[in-house]
Amino acid sequence: MDDWKCDRCGSTERVQEHHILWKCMRDNQKIEDGERVWLCLECHKLIADYIIPVIWRFVSKEKKEECKDAIKSFTKKWVKTKS
């Protein structure tokens, strides 16, 4: 883990795996390739505690599948932007 770094800010401190789709969003429990990124604790808390819950909470049940695609796309773009 010493050579891991945050995919968003480049920090090497407290890097952890972030599953782009939470278990409740996936049809199965298997995590597919490309559905995880490495984030430092600060970036991970930002996306996991604030950004994704807000998106998920305000989407109707009928739109959940579209929301999954939007979350995947957003997360991958968000990770590429530096704060």
PDB file of N, CA and C in Angstrom:
ATOM      1  N   MET A   1       0.822  -1.195   0.000  1.00  0.00           N
ATOM      2  CA  MET A   1       0.000   0.000   0.000  1.00  0.00           C
ATOM      3  C   MET A   1       0.861   1.251   0.000  1.00  0.00           C
ATOM      4  N   ASP A   2       2.142   1.123   0.213  1.00  0.00           N
ATOM      5  CA  ASP A   2       3.021   2.285   0.259  1.00  0.00           C
ATOM      6  C   ASP A   2       3.065   3.059  -1.053  1.00  0.00           C
ATOM      7  N   ASP A   3       2.917   2.376  -2.170  1.00  0.00           N
ATOM      8  CA  ASP A   3       3.013   3.062  -3.456  1.00  0.00           C
ATOM      9  C   ASP A   3       1.652   3.459  -4.013  1.00  0.00           C
ATOM     10  N   TRP A   4       0.572   3.240  -3.280  1.00  0.00           N
ATOM     11  CA  TRP A   4      -0.749   3.630  -3.737  1.00  0.00           C
ATOM     12  C   TRP A   4      -0.943   5.118  -3.511  1.00  0.00           C
ATOM     13  N   LYS A   5      -1.729   5.697  -4.398  1.00  0.00           N
ATOM     14  CA  LYS A   5      -2.034   7.108  -4.207  1.00  0.00           C
ATOM     15  C   LYS A   5      -3.471   7.366  -4.604  1.00  0.00           C
ATOM     16  N   CYS A   6      -4.004   8.451  -4.108  1.00  0.00           N
ATOM     17  CA  CYS A   6      -5.384   8.839  -4.392  1.00  0.00           C
ATOM     18  C   CYS A   6      -5.508   9.150  -5.876  1.00  0.00           C
ATOM     19  N   ASP A   7      -6.499   8.530  -6.503  1.00  0.00           N
ATOM     20  CA  ASP A   7      -6.729   8.771  -7.930  1.00  0.00           C
ATOM     21  C   ASP A   7      -7.200  10.193  -8.204  1.00  0.00           C
ATOM     22  N   ARG A   8      -7.652  10.892  -7.202  1.00  0.00           N
ATOM     23  CA  ARG A   8      -8.136  12.258  -7.408  1.00  0.00           C
ATOM     24  C   ARG A   8      -7.082  13.306  -7.089  1.00  0.00           C
ATOM     25  N   CYS A   9      -6.527  13.274  -5.871  1.00  0.00           N
ATOM     26  CA  CYS A   9      -5.623  14.360  -5.471  1.00  0.00           C
ATOM     27  C   CYS A   9      -4.157  13.959  -5.441  1.00  0.00           C
ATOM     28  N   GLY A  10      -3.880  12.666  -5.555  1.00  0.00           N
ATOM     29  CA  GLY A  10      -2.495  12.207  -5.571  1.00  0.00           C
ATOM     30  C   GLY A  10      -1.883  11.955  -4.200  1.00  0.00           C
ATOM     31  N   SER A  11      -2.643  12.173  -3.134  1.00  0.00           N
ATOM     32  CA  SER A  11      -2.129  11.926  -1.787  1.00  0.00           C
ATOM     33  C   SER A  11      -1.790  10.453  -1.606  1.00  0.00           C
ATOM     34  N   THR A  12      -0.765  10.186  -0.819  1.00  0.00           N
ATOM     35  CA  THR A  12      -0.407   8.810  -0.492  1.00  0.00           C
ATOM     36  C   THR A  12      -0.799   8.474   0.949  1.00  0.00           C
ATOM     37  N   GLU A  13      -1.486   9.381   1.606  1.00  0.00           N
ATOM     38  CA  GLU A  13      -1.899   9.186   2.992  1.00  0.00           C
ATOM     39  C   GLU A  13      -3.278   8.537   3.071  1.00  0.00           C
ATOM     40  N   ARG A  14      -3.388   7.467   3.842  1.00  0.00           N
ATOM     41  CA  ARG A  14      -4.670   6.819   4.149  1.00  0.00           C
ATOM     42  C   ARG A  14      -5.493   6.515   2.898  1.00  0.00           C
ATOM     43  N   VAL A  15      -4.866   5.915   1.926  1.00  0.00           N
ATOM     44  CA  VAL A  15      -5.541   5.571   0.669  1.00  0.00           C
ATOM     45  C   VAL A  15      -6.406   4.332   0.875  1.00  0.00           C
ATOM     46  N   GLN A  16      -7.616   4.379   0.355  1.00  0.00           N
ATOM     47  CA  GLN A  16      -8.543   3.264   0.489  1.00  0.00           C
ATOM     48  C   GLN A  16      -9.342   3.067  -0.790  1.00  0.00           C
ATOM     49  N   GLU A  17      -9.893   1.888  -0.913  1.00  0.00           N
ATOM     50  CA  GLU A  17     -10.674   1.535  -2.095  1.00  0.00           C
ATOM     51  C   GLU A  17     -12.076   2.118  -1.969  1.00  0.00           C
ATOM     52  N   HIS A  18     -12.566   2.694  -3.047  1.00  0.00           N
ATOM     53  CA  HIS A  18     -13.942   3.186  -3.102  1.00  0.00           C
ATOM     54  C   HIS A  18     -14.674   2.410  -4.180  1.00  0.00           C
ATOM     55  N   HIS A  19     -15.771   1.778  -3.812  1.00  0.00           N
ATOM     56  CA  HIS A  19     -16.612   1.080  -4.784  1.00  0.00           C
ATOM     57  C   HIS A  19     -17.554   2.103  -5.392  1.00  0.00           C
ATOM     58  N   ILE A  20     -17.461   2.266  -6.697  1.00  0.00           N
ATOM     59  CA  ILE A  20     -18.253   3.304  -7.367  1.00  0.00           C
ATOM     60  C   ILE A  20     -19.746   3.074  -7.149  1.00  0.00           C
ATOM     61  N   LEU A  21     -20.186   1.836  -7.229  1.00  0.00           N
ATOM     62  CA  LEU A  21     -21.580   1.519  -6.912  1.00  0.00           C
ATOM     63  C   LEU A  21     -21.614   0.775  -5.590  1.00  0.00           C
ATOM     64  N   TRP A  22     -22.439   1.230  -4.664  1.00  0.00           N
ATOM     65  CA  TRP A  22     -22.577   0.552  -3.385  1.00  0.00           C
ATOM     66  C   TRP A  22     -23.277  -0.780  -3.584  1.00  0.00           C
ATOM     67  N   LYS A  23     -23.202  -1.645  -2.600  1.00  0.00           N
ATOM     68  CA  LYS A  23     -23.850  -2.960  -2.675  1.00  0.00           C
ATOM     69  C   LYS A  23     -25.332  -2.833  -2.998  1.00  0.00           C
ATOM     70  N   CYS A  24     -26.005  -1.878  -2.415  1.00  0.00           N
ATOM     71  CA  CYS A  24     -27.449  -1.718  -2.645  1.00  0.00           C
ATOM     72  C   CYS A  24     -27.757  -1.282  -4.068  1.00  0.00           C
ATOM     73  N   MET A  25     -26.758  -0.806  -4.799  1.00  0.00           N
ATOM     74  CA  MET A  25     -26.959  -0.337  -6.166  1.00  0.00           C
ATOM     75  C   MET A  25     -26.630  -1.416  -7.199  1.00  0.00           C
ATOM     76  N   ARG A  26     -25.909  -2.438  -6.770  1.00  0.00           N
ATOM     77  CA  ARG A  26     -25.482  -3.470  -7.717  1.00  0.00           C
ATOM     78  C   ARG A  26     -26.498  -4.590  -7.778  1.00  0.00           C
ATOM     79  N   ASP A  27     -26.636  -5.188  -8.963  1.00  0.00           N
ATOM     80  CA  ASP A  27     -27.548  -6.317  -9.124  1.00  0.00           C
ATOM     81  C   ASP A  27     -26.978  -7.577  -8.478  1.00  0.00           C
ATOM     82  N   ASN A  28     -25.670  -7.694  -8.446  1.00  0.00           N
ATOM     83  CA  ASN A  28     -25.037  -8.817  -7.764  1.00  0.00           C
ATOM     84  C   ASN A  28     -23.959  -8.264  -6.842  1.00  0.00           C
ATOM     85  N   GLN A  29     -23.382  -9.120  -6.042  1.00  0.00           N
ATOM     86  CA  GLN A  29     -22.402  -8.672  -5.057  1.00  0.00           C
ATOM     87  C   GLN A  29     -20.997  -8.559  -5.634  1.00  0.00           C
ATOM     88  N   LYS A  30     -20.810  -9.027  -6.861  1.00  0.00           N
ATOM     89  CA  LYS A  30     -19.481  -8.992  -7.470  1.00  0.00           C
ATOM     90  C   LYS A  30     -19.156  -7.569  -7.926  1.00  0.00           C
ATOM     91  N   ILE A  31     -17.954  -7.150  -7.630  1.00  0.00           N
ATOM     92  CA  ILE A  31     -17.497  -5.833  -8.061  1.00  0.00           C
ATOM     93  C   ILE A  31     -16.780  -6.012  -9.392  1.00  0.00           C
ATOM     94  N   GLU A  32     -17.283  -5.369 -10.413  1.00  0.00           N
ATOM     95  CA  GLU A  32     -16.733  -5.494 -11.761  1.00  0.00           C
ATOM     96  C   GLU A  32     -15.465  -4.661 -11.896  1.00  0.00           C
ATOM     97  N   ASP A  33     -14.620  -5.053 -12.849  1.00  0.00           N
ATOM     98  CA  ASP A  33     -13.449  -4.241 -13.157  1.00  0.00           C
ATOM     99  C   ASP A  33     -13.916  -2.850 -13.560  1.00  0.00           C
ATOM    100  N   GLY A  34     -13.201  -1.861 -13.130  1.00  0.00           N
ATOM    101  CA  GLY A  34     -13.554  -0.484 -13.466  1.00  0.00           C
ATOM    102  C   GLY A  34     -14.597   0.116 -12.545  1.00  0.00           C
ATOM    103  N   GLU A  35     -15.071  -0.657 -11.543  1.00  0.00           N
ATOM    104  CA  GLU A  35     -16.069  -0.133 -10.614  1.00  0.00           C
ATOM    105  C   GLU A  35     -15.451   0.210  -9.262  1.00  0.00           C
ATOM    106  N   ARG A  36     -14.149   0.455  -9.258  1.00  0.00           N
ATOM    107  CA  ARG A  36     -13.489   0.871  -8.018  1.00  0.00           C
ATOM    108  C   ARG A  36     -12.396   1.869  -8.355  1.00  0.00           C
ATOM    109  N   VAL A  37     -12.175   2.766  -7.444  1.00  0.00           N
ATOM    110  CA  VAL A  37     -11.086   3.738  -7.549  1.00  0.00           C
ATOM    111  C   VAL A  37     -10.411   3.805  -6.190  1.00  0.00           C
ATOM    112  N   TRP A  38      -9.202   4.348  -6.169  1.00  0.00           N
ATOM    113  CA  TRP A  38      -8.448   4.500  -4.921  1.00  0.00           C
ATOM    114  C   TRP A  38      -8.481   5.964  -4.524  1.00  0.00           C
ATOM    115  N   LEU A  39      -8.942   6.225  -3.293  1.00  0.00           N
ATOM    116  CA  LEU A  39      -9.088   7.590  -2.812  1.00  0.00           C
ATOM    117  C   LEU A  39      -8.495   7.723  -1.415  1.00  0.00           C
ATOM    118  N   CYS A  40      -7.929   8.896  -1.132  1.00  0.00           N
ATOM    119  CA  CYS A  40      -7.481   9.169   0.233  1.00  0.00           C
ATOM    120  C   CYS A  40      -8.737   9.341   1.090  1.00  0.00           C
ATOM    121  N   LEU A  41      -8.559   9.304   2.384  1.00  0.00           N
ATOM    122  CA  LEU A  41      -9.698   9.394   3.292  1.00  0.00           C
ATOM    123  C   LEU A  41     -10.528  10.656   3.055  1.00  0.00           C
ATOM    124  N   GLU A  42      -9.869  11.782   2.832  1.00  0.00           N
ATOM    125  CA  GLU A  42     -10.585  13.050   2.631  1.00  0.00           C
ATOM    126  C   GLU A  42     -11.463  13.014   1.369  1.00  0.00           C
ATOM    127  N   CYS A  43     -10.909  12.572   0.252  1.00  0.00           N
ATOM    128  CA  CYS A  43     -11.683  12.484  -0.996  1.00  0.00           C
ATOM    129  C   CYS A  43     -12.766  11.417  -0.886  1.00  0.00           C
ATOM    130  N   HIS A  44     -12.451  10.306  -0.222  1.00  0.00           N
ATOM    131  CA  HIS A  44     -13.417   9.227  -0.065  1.00  0.00           C
ATOM    132  C   HIS A  44     -14.621   9.694   0.746  1.00  0.00           C
ATOM    133  N   LYS A  45     -14.359  10.394   1.851  1.00  0.00           N
ATOM    134  CA  LYS A  45     -15.462  10.900   2.664  1.00  0.00           C
ATOM    135  C   LYS A  45     -16.322  11.889   1.882  1.00  0.00           C
ATOM    136  N   LEU A  46     -15.700  12.722   1.092  1.00  0.00           N
ATOM    137  CA  LEU A  46     -16.449  13.707   0.310  1.00  0.00           C
ATOM    138  C   LEU A  46     -17.430  13.029  -0.634  1.00  0.00           C
ATOM    139  N   ILE A  47     -16.952  12.064  -1.397  1.00  0.00           N
ATOM    140  CA  ILE A  47     -17.847  11.439  -2.372  1.00  0.00           C
ATOM    141  C   ILE A  47     -18.813  10.456  -1.722  1.00  0.00           C
ATOM    142  N   ALA A  48     -18.351   9.686  -0.745  1.00  0.00           N
ATOM    143  CA  ALA A  48     -19.199   8.657  -0.145  1.00  0.00           C
ATOM    144  C   ALA A  48     -20.221   9.220   0.840  1.00  0.00           C
ATOM    145  N   ASP A  49     -19.868  10.284   1.536  1.00  0.00           N
ATOM    146  CA  ASP A  49     -20.770  10.826   2.554  1.00  0.00           C
ATOM    147  C   ASP A  49     -21.668  11.950   2.050  1.00  0.00           C
ATOM    148  N   TYR A  50     -21.274  12.601   0.961  1.00  0.00           N
ATOM    149  CA  TYR A  50     -22.038  13.764   0.515  1.00  0.00           C
ATOM    150  C   TYR A  50     -22.537  13.663  -0.919  1.00  0.00           C
ATOM    151  N   ILE A  51     -21.658  13.437  -1.850  1.00  0.00           N
ATOM    152  CA  ILE A  51     -22.035  13.542  -3.260  1.00  0.00           C
ATOM    153  C   ILE A  51     -22.985  12.425  -3.690  1.00  0.00           C
ATOM    154  N   ILE A  52     -22.572  11.178  -3.552  1.00  0.00           N
ATOM    155  CA  ILE A  52     -23.409  10.066  -4.027  1.00  0.00           C
ATOM    156  C   ILE A  52     -24.728   9.965  -3.259  1.00  0.00           C
ATOM    157  N   PRO A  53     -24.747  10.086  -1.921  1.00  0.00           N
ATOM    158  CA  PRO A  53     -26.040  10.005  -1.227  1.00  0.00           C
ATOM    159  C   PRO A  53     -27.057  11.038  -1.700  1.00  0.00           C
ATOM    160  N   VAL A  54     -26.589  12.238  -1.993  1.00  0.00           N
ATOM    161  CA  VAL A  54     -27.507  13.274  -2.479  1.00  0.00           C
ATOM    162  C   VAL A  54     -28.080  12.881  -3.835  1.00  0.00           C
ATOM    163  N   ILE A  55     -27.224  12.415  -4.730  1.00  0.00           N
ATOM    164  CA  ILE A  55     -27.703  11.978  -6.051  1.00  0.00           C
ATOM    165  C   ILE A  55     -28.716  10.852  -5.886  1.00  0.00           C
ATOM    166  N   TRP A  56     -28.368   9.819  -5.115  1.00  0.00           N
ATOM    167  CA  TRP A  56     -29.193   8.613  -4.977  1.00  0.00           C
ATOM    168  C   TRP A  56     -30.522   8.913  -4.297  1.00  0.00           C
ATOM    169  N   ARG A  57     -30.517   9.779  -3.302  1.00  0.00           N
ATOM    170  CA  ARG A  57     -31.724  10.069  -2.529  1.00  0.00           C
ATOM    171  C   ARG A  57     -32.818  10.722  -3.367  1.00  0.00           C
ATOM    172  N   PHE A  58     -32.433  11.537  -4.336  1.00  0.00           N
ATOM    173  CA  PHE A  58     -33.426  12.297  -5.077  1.00  0.00           C
ATOM    174  C   PHE A  58     -33.807  11.691  -6.421  1.00  0.00           C
ATOM    175  N   VAL A  59     -33.464  10.444  -6.608  1.00  0.00           N
ATOM    176  CA  VAL A  59     -33.818   9.768  -7.858  1.00  0.00           C
ATOM    177  C   VAL A  59     -34.977   8.825  -7.586  1.00  0.00           C
ATOM    178  N   SER A  60     -36.001   8.890  -8.437  1.00  0.00           N
ATOM    179  CA  SER A  60     -37.156   8.017  -8.260  1.00  0.00           C
ATOM    180  C   SER A  60     -36.769   6.562  -8.536  1.00  0.00           C
ATOM    181  N   LYS A  61     -37.554   5.628  -8.022  1.00  0.00           N
ATOM    182  CA  LYS A  61     -37.270   4.202  -8.207  1.00  0.00           C
ATOM    183  C   LYS A  61     -37.194   3.838  -9.685  1.00  0.00           C
ATOM    184  N   GLU A  62     -38.000   4.458 -10.495  1.00  0.00           N
ATOM    185  CA  GLU A  62     -38.030   4.163 -11.926  1.00  0.00           C
ATOM    186  C   GLU A  62     -36.738   4.589 -12.626  1.00  0.00           C
ATOM    187  N   LYS A  63     -36.024   5.507 -12.042  1.00  0.00           N
ATOM    188  CA  LYS A  63     -34.819   6.056 -12.664  1.00  0.00           C
ATOM    189  C   LYS A  63     -33.530   5.500 -12.057  1.00  0.00           C
ATOM    190  N   LYS A  64     -33.608   4.506 -11.186  1.00  0.00           N
ATOM    191  CA  LYS A  64     -32.424   3.994 -10.495  1.00  0.00           C
ATOM    192  C   LYS A  64     -31.376   3.457 -11.467  1.00  0.00           C
ATOM    193  N   GLU A  65     -31.780   2.740 -12.516  1.00  0.00           N
ATOM    194  CA  GLU A  65     -30.799   2.199 -13.468  1.00  0.00           C
ATOM    195  C   GLU A  65     -30.039   3.319 -14.168  1.00  0.00           C
ATOM    196  N   GLU A  66     -30.757   4.354 -14.603  1.00  0.00           N
ATOM    197  CA  GLU A  66     -30.108   5.510 -15.219  1.00  0.00           C
ATOM    198  C   GLU A  66     -29.170   6.183 -14.218  1.00  0.00           C
ATOM    199  N   CYS A  67     -29.590   6.220 -12.975  1.00  0.00           N
ATOM    200  CA  CYS A  67     -28.783   6.851 -11.935  1.00  0.00           C
ATOM    201  C   CYS A  67     -27.473   6.095 -11.737  1.00  0.00           C
ATOM    202  N   LYS A  68     -27.508   4.777 -11.793  1.00  0.00           N
ATOM    203  CA  LYS A  68     -26.286   3.993 -11.647  1.00  0.00           C
ATOM    204  C   LYS A  68     -25.273   4.395 -12.713  1.00  0.00           C
ATOM    205  N   ASP A  69     -25.738   4.518 -13.946  1.00  0.00           N
ATOM    206  CA  ASP A  69     -24.841   4.934 -15.032  1.00  0.00           C
ATOM    207  C   ASP A  69     -24.318   6.346 -14.801  1.00  0.00           C
ATOM    208  N   ALA A  70     -25.176   7.220 -14.328  1.00  0.00           N
ATOM    209  CA  ALA A  70     -24.767   8.599 -14.058  1.00  0.00           C
ATOM    210  C   ALA A  70     -23.733   8.654 -12.935  1.00  0.00           C
ATOM    211  N   ILE A  71     -23.914   7.855 -11.896  1.00  0.00           N
ATOM    212  CA  ILE A  71     -22.962   7.831 -10.787  1.00  0.00           C
ATOM    213  C   ILE A  71     -21.614   7.306 -11.258  1.00  0.00           C
ATOM    214  N   LYS A  72     -21.625   6.254 -12.062  1.00  0.00           N
ATOM    215  CA  LYS A  72     -20.363   5.720 -12.597  1.00  0.00           C
ATOM    216  C   LYS A  72     -19.644   6.790 -13.409  1.00  0.00           C
ATOM    217  N   SER A  73     -20.373   7.433 -14.304  1.00  0.00           N
ATOM    218  CA  SER A  73     -19.788   8.454 -15.168  1.00  0.00           C
ATOM    219  C   SER A  73     -19.281   9.643 -14.348  1.00  0.00           C
ATOM    220  N   PHE A  74     -20.112  10.124 -13.433  1.00  0.00           N
ATOM    221  CA  PHE A  74     -19.728  11.260 -12.605  1.00  0.00           C
ATOM    222  C   PHE A  74     -18.475  10.944 -11.799  1.00  0.00           C
ATOM    223  N   THR A  75     -18.452   9.776 -11.149  1.00  0.00           N
ATOM    224  CA  THR A  75     -17.319   9.427 -10.285  1.00  0.00           C
ATOM    225  C   THR A  75     -16.026   9.380 -11.076  1.00  0.00           C
ATOM    226  N   LYS A  76     -16.072   8.783 -12.253  1.00  0.00           N
ATOM    227  CA  LYS A  76     -14.854   8.687 -13.061  1.00  0.00           C
ATOM    228  C   LYS A  76     -14.375  10.070 -13.498  1.00  0.00           C
ATOM    229  N   LYS A  77     -15.292  10.963 -13.829  1.00  0.00           N
ATOM    230  CA  LYS A  77     -14.913  12.328 -14.200  1.00  0.00           C
ATOM    231  C   LYS A  77     -14.437  13.106 -12.978  1.00  0.00           C
ATOM    232  N   TRP A  78     -15.108  12.955 -11.847  1.00  0.00           N
ATOM    233  CA  TRP A  78     -14.753  13.659 -10.620  1.00  0.00           C
ATOM    234  C   TRP A  78     -13.363  13.278 -10.161  1.00  0.00           C
ATOM    235  N   VAL A  79     -13.033  11.986 -10.275  1.00  0.00           N
ATOM    236  CA  VAL A  79     -11.711  11.518  -9.859  1.00  0.00           C
ATOM    237  C   VAL A  79     -10.625  12.171 -10.696  1.00  0.00           C
ATOM    238  N   LYS A  80     -10.904  12.429 -11.961  1.00  0.00           N
ATOM    239  CA  LYS A  80      -9.895  13.014 -12.846  1.00  0.00           C
ATOM    240  C   LYS A  80      -9.662  14.498 -12.586  1.00  0.00           C
ATOM    241  N   THR A  81     -10.615  15.164 -11.907  1.00  0.00           N
ATOM    242  CA  THR A  81     -10.425  16.589 -11.619  1.00  0.00           C
ATOM    243  C   THR A  81      -9.652  16.722 -10.323  1.00  0.00           C
ATOM    244  N   LYS A  82      -8.723  17.599 -10.301  1.00  0.00           N
ATOM    245  CA  LYS A  82      -7.930  17.845  -9.101  1.00  0.00           C
ATOM    246  C   LYS A  82      -8.570  18.987  -8.331  1.00  0.00           C
ATOM    247  N   SER A  83      -8.563  18.870  -7.022  1.00  0.00           N
ATOM    248  CA  SER A  83      -9.181  19.935  -6.210  1.00  0.00           C
ATOM    249  C   SER A  83      -8.267  21.138  -6.127  1.00  0.00           C
TER     250      SER A  83
END
